[in-house]
């Protein structure tokens, strides 16, 4: 039966505590409360402002039919 507030079996808890005591980096063995908004940091963000608009403008220019009437008149 788990005895600690994290629901970890006592033998596992004791092993974690012993490893933390011997470790150079005891913070790696810390057990804390779960951060409710942890996933927010992984949400996509717009790293380049205006990039989407620039791409849409370039696609629109490429898709537009070129006007060759000036070239035909000069021939």
C-alpha atoms as a PDB file:
ATOM      1  CA  UNK A   1       0.000   0.000   0.000  1.00  0.00           C
ATOM      2  CA  UNK A   2       1.448   3.441  -0.921  1.00  0.00           C
ATOM      3  CA  UNK A   3       2.424   5.431   2.140  1.00  0.00           C
ATOM      4  CA  UNK A   4       3.502   8.702   0.560  1.00  0.00           C
ATOM      5  CA  UNK A   5       1.338  11.400  -0.952  1.00  0.00           C
ATOM      6  CA  UNK A   6       2.569  10.707  -4.494  1.00  0.00           C
ATOM      7  CA  UNK A   7       1.193   7.180  -4.651  1.00  0.00           C
ATOM      8  CA  UNK A   8       4.629   5.593  -5.099  1.00  0.00           C
ATOM      9  CA  UNK A   9       5.268   2.208  -3.534  1.00  0.00           C
ATOM     10  CA  UNK A  10       7.400   2.447  -0.373  1.00  0.00           C
ATOM     11  CA  UNK A  11      10.269   0.374  -1.782  1.00  0.00           C
ATOM     12  CA  UNK A  12      10.460   2.524  -4.909  1.00  0.00           C
ATOM     13  CA  UNK A  13      10.209   5.708  -2.838  1.00  0.00           C
ATOM     14  CA  UNK A  14      13.075   4.619  -0.612  1.00  0.00           C
ATOM     15  CA  UNK A  15      15.188   3.738  -3.649  1.00  0.00           C
ATOM     16  CA  UNK A  16      14.552   7.188  -5.147  1.00  0.00           C
ATOM     17  CA  UNK A  17      15.468   8.892  -1.890  1.00  0.00           C
ATOM     18  CA  UNK A  18      18.673   6.839  -1.607  1.00  0.00           C
ATOM     19  CA  UNK A  19      19.680   7.631  -5.211  1.00  0.00           C
ATOM     20  CA  UNK A  20      18.984  11.320  -4.651  1.00  0.00           C
ATOM     21  CA  UNK A  21      21.137  11.327  -1.527  1.00  0.00           C
ATOM     22  CA  UNK A  22      24.086   9.854  -3.450  1.00  0.00           C
ATOM     23  CA  UNK A  23      23.601  11.841  -6.635  1.00  0.00           C
ATOM     24  CA  UNK A  24      25.540  14.887  -7.754  1.00  0.00           C
ATOM     25  CA  UNK A  25      22.210  16.140  -9.179  1.00  0.00           C
ATOM     26  CA  UNK A  26      19.584  15.376  -6.524  1.00  0.00           C
ATOM     27  CA  UNK A  27      17.073  17.662  -8.258  1.00  0.00           C
ATOM     28  CA  UNK A  28      16.616  14.970 -10.907  1.00  0.00           C
ATOM     29  CA  UNK A  29      14.988  12.756  -8.298  1.00  0.00           C
ATOM     30  CA  UNK A  30      12.556  15.334  -6.965  1.00  0.00           C
ATOM     31  CA  UNK A  31       8.914  14.382  -7.071  1.00  0.00           C
ATOM     32  CA  UNK A  32       6.541  17.304  -7.040  1.00  0.00           C
ATOM     33  CA  UNK A  33       3.042  18.240  -7.927  1.00  0.00           C
ATOM     34  CA  UNK A  34       2.068  18.048 -11.546  1.00  0.00           C
ATOM     35  CA  UNK A  35       1.989  21.388 -13.337  1.00  0.00           C
ATOM     36  CA  UNK A  36      -1.564  21.747 -14.730  1.00  0.00           C
ATOM     37  CA  UNK A  37      -0.558  23.906 -17.728  1.00  0.00           C
ATOM     38  CA  UNK A  38       2.639  22.101 -18.637  1.00  0.00           C
ATOM     39  CA  UNK A  39       1.443  21.376 -22.174  1.00  0.00           C
ATOM     40  CA  UNK A  40       1.088  25.096 -22.940  1.00  0.00           C
ATOM     41  CA  UNK A  41       4.825  25.425 -23.440  1.00  0.00           C
ATOM     42  CA  UNK A  42       4.673  22.963 -26.324  1.00  0.00           C
ATOM     43  CA  UNK A  43       1.896  24.713 -28.243  1.00  0.00           C
ATOM     44  CA  UNK A  44       2.989  26.054 -31.611  1.00  0.00           C
ATOM     45  CA  UNK A  45       3.684  29.748 -31.819  1.00  0.00           C
ATOM     46  CA  UNK A  46       4.318  32.243 -34.572  1.00  0.00           C
ATOM     47  CA  UNK A  47       8.082  32.607 -34.469  1.00  0.00           C
ATOM     48  CA  UNK A  48       8.107  34.724 -37.617  1.00  0.00           C
ATOM     49  CA  UNK A  49       5.529  37.481 -37.584  1.00  0.00           C
ATOM     50  CA  UNK A  50       4.029  38.180 -40.968  1.00  0.00           C
ATOM     51  CA  UNK A  51       5.474  35.027 -42.525  1.00  0.00           C
ATOM     52  CA  UNK A  52       2.089  33.501 -43.405  1.00  0.00           C
ATOM     53  CA  UNK A  53       0.929  36.726 -45.058  1.00  0.00           C
ATOM     54  CA  UNK A  54       4.166  36.921 -47.041  1.00  0.00           C
ATOM     55  CA  UNK A  55       3.758  33.345 -48.240  1.00  0.00           C
ATOM     56  CA  UNK A  56       0.127  33.962 -49.231  1.00  0.00           C
ATOM     57  CA  UNK A  57       1.159  37.076 -51.153  1.00  0.00           C
ATOM     58  CA  UNK A  58       3.900  35.173 -52.998  1.00  0.00           C
ATOM     59  CA  UNK A  59       1.498  32.353 -53.871  1.00  0.00           C
ATOM     60  CA  UNK A  60      -1.072  34.863 -55.138  1.00  0.00           C
ATOM     61  CA  UNK A  61       1.553  36.574 -57.324  1.00  0.00           C
ATOM     62  CA  UNK A  62       2.719  33.235 -58.719  1.00  0.00           C
ATOM     63  CA  UNK A  63      -0.848  32.127 -59.432  1.00  0.00           C
ATOM     64  CA  UNK A  64      -1.805  35.376 -61.182  1.00  0.00           C
ATOM     65  CA  UNK A  65      -1.854  35.278 -64.969  1.00  0.00           C
ATOM     66  CA  UNK A  66       0.990  37.357 -66.408  1.00  0.00           C
ATOM     67  CA  UNK A  67       0.078  40.235 -68.693  1.00  0.00           C
ATOM     68  CA  UNK A  68       2.038  39.942 -71.957  1.00  0.00           C
ATOM     69  CA  UNK A  69       0.268  42.723 -73.894  1.00  0.00           C
ATOM     70  CA  UNK A  70       3.177  45.145 -73.414  1.00  0.00           C
ATOM     71  CA  UNK A  71       5.589  42.611 -74.855  1.00  0.00           C
ATOM     72  CA  UNK A  72       3.353  41.901 -77.882  1.00  0.00           C
ATOM     73  CA  UNK A  73       3.022  45.578 -78.681  1.00  0.00           C
ATOM     74  CA  UNK A  74       6.786  46.131 -78.661  1.00  0.00           C
ATOM     75  CA  UNK A  75       7.496  43.346 -81.174  1.00  0.00           C
END
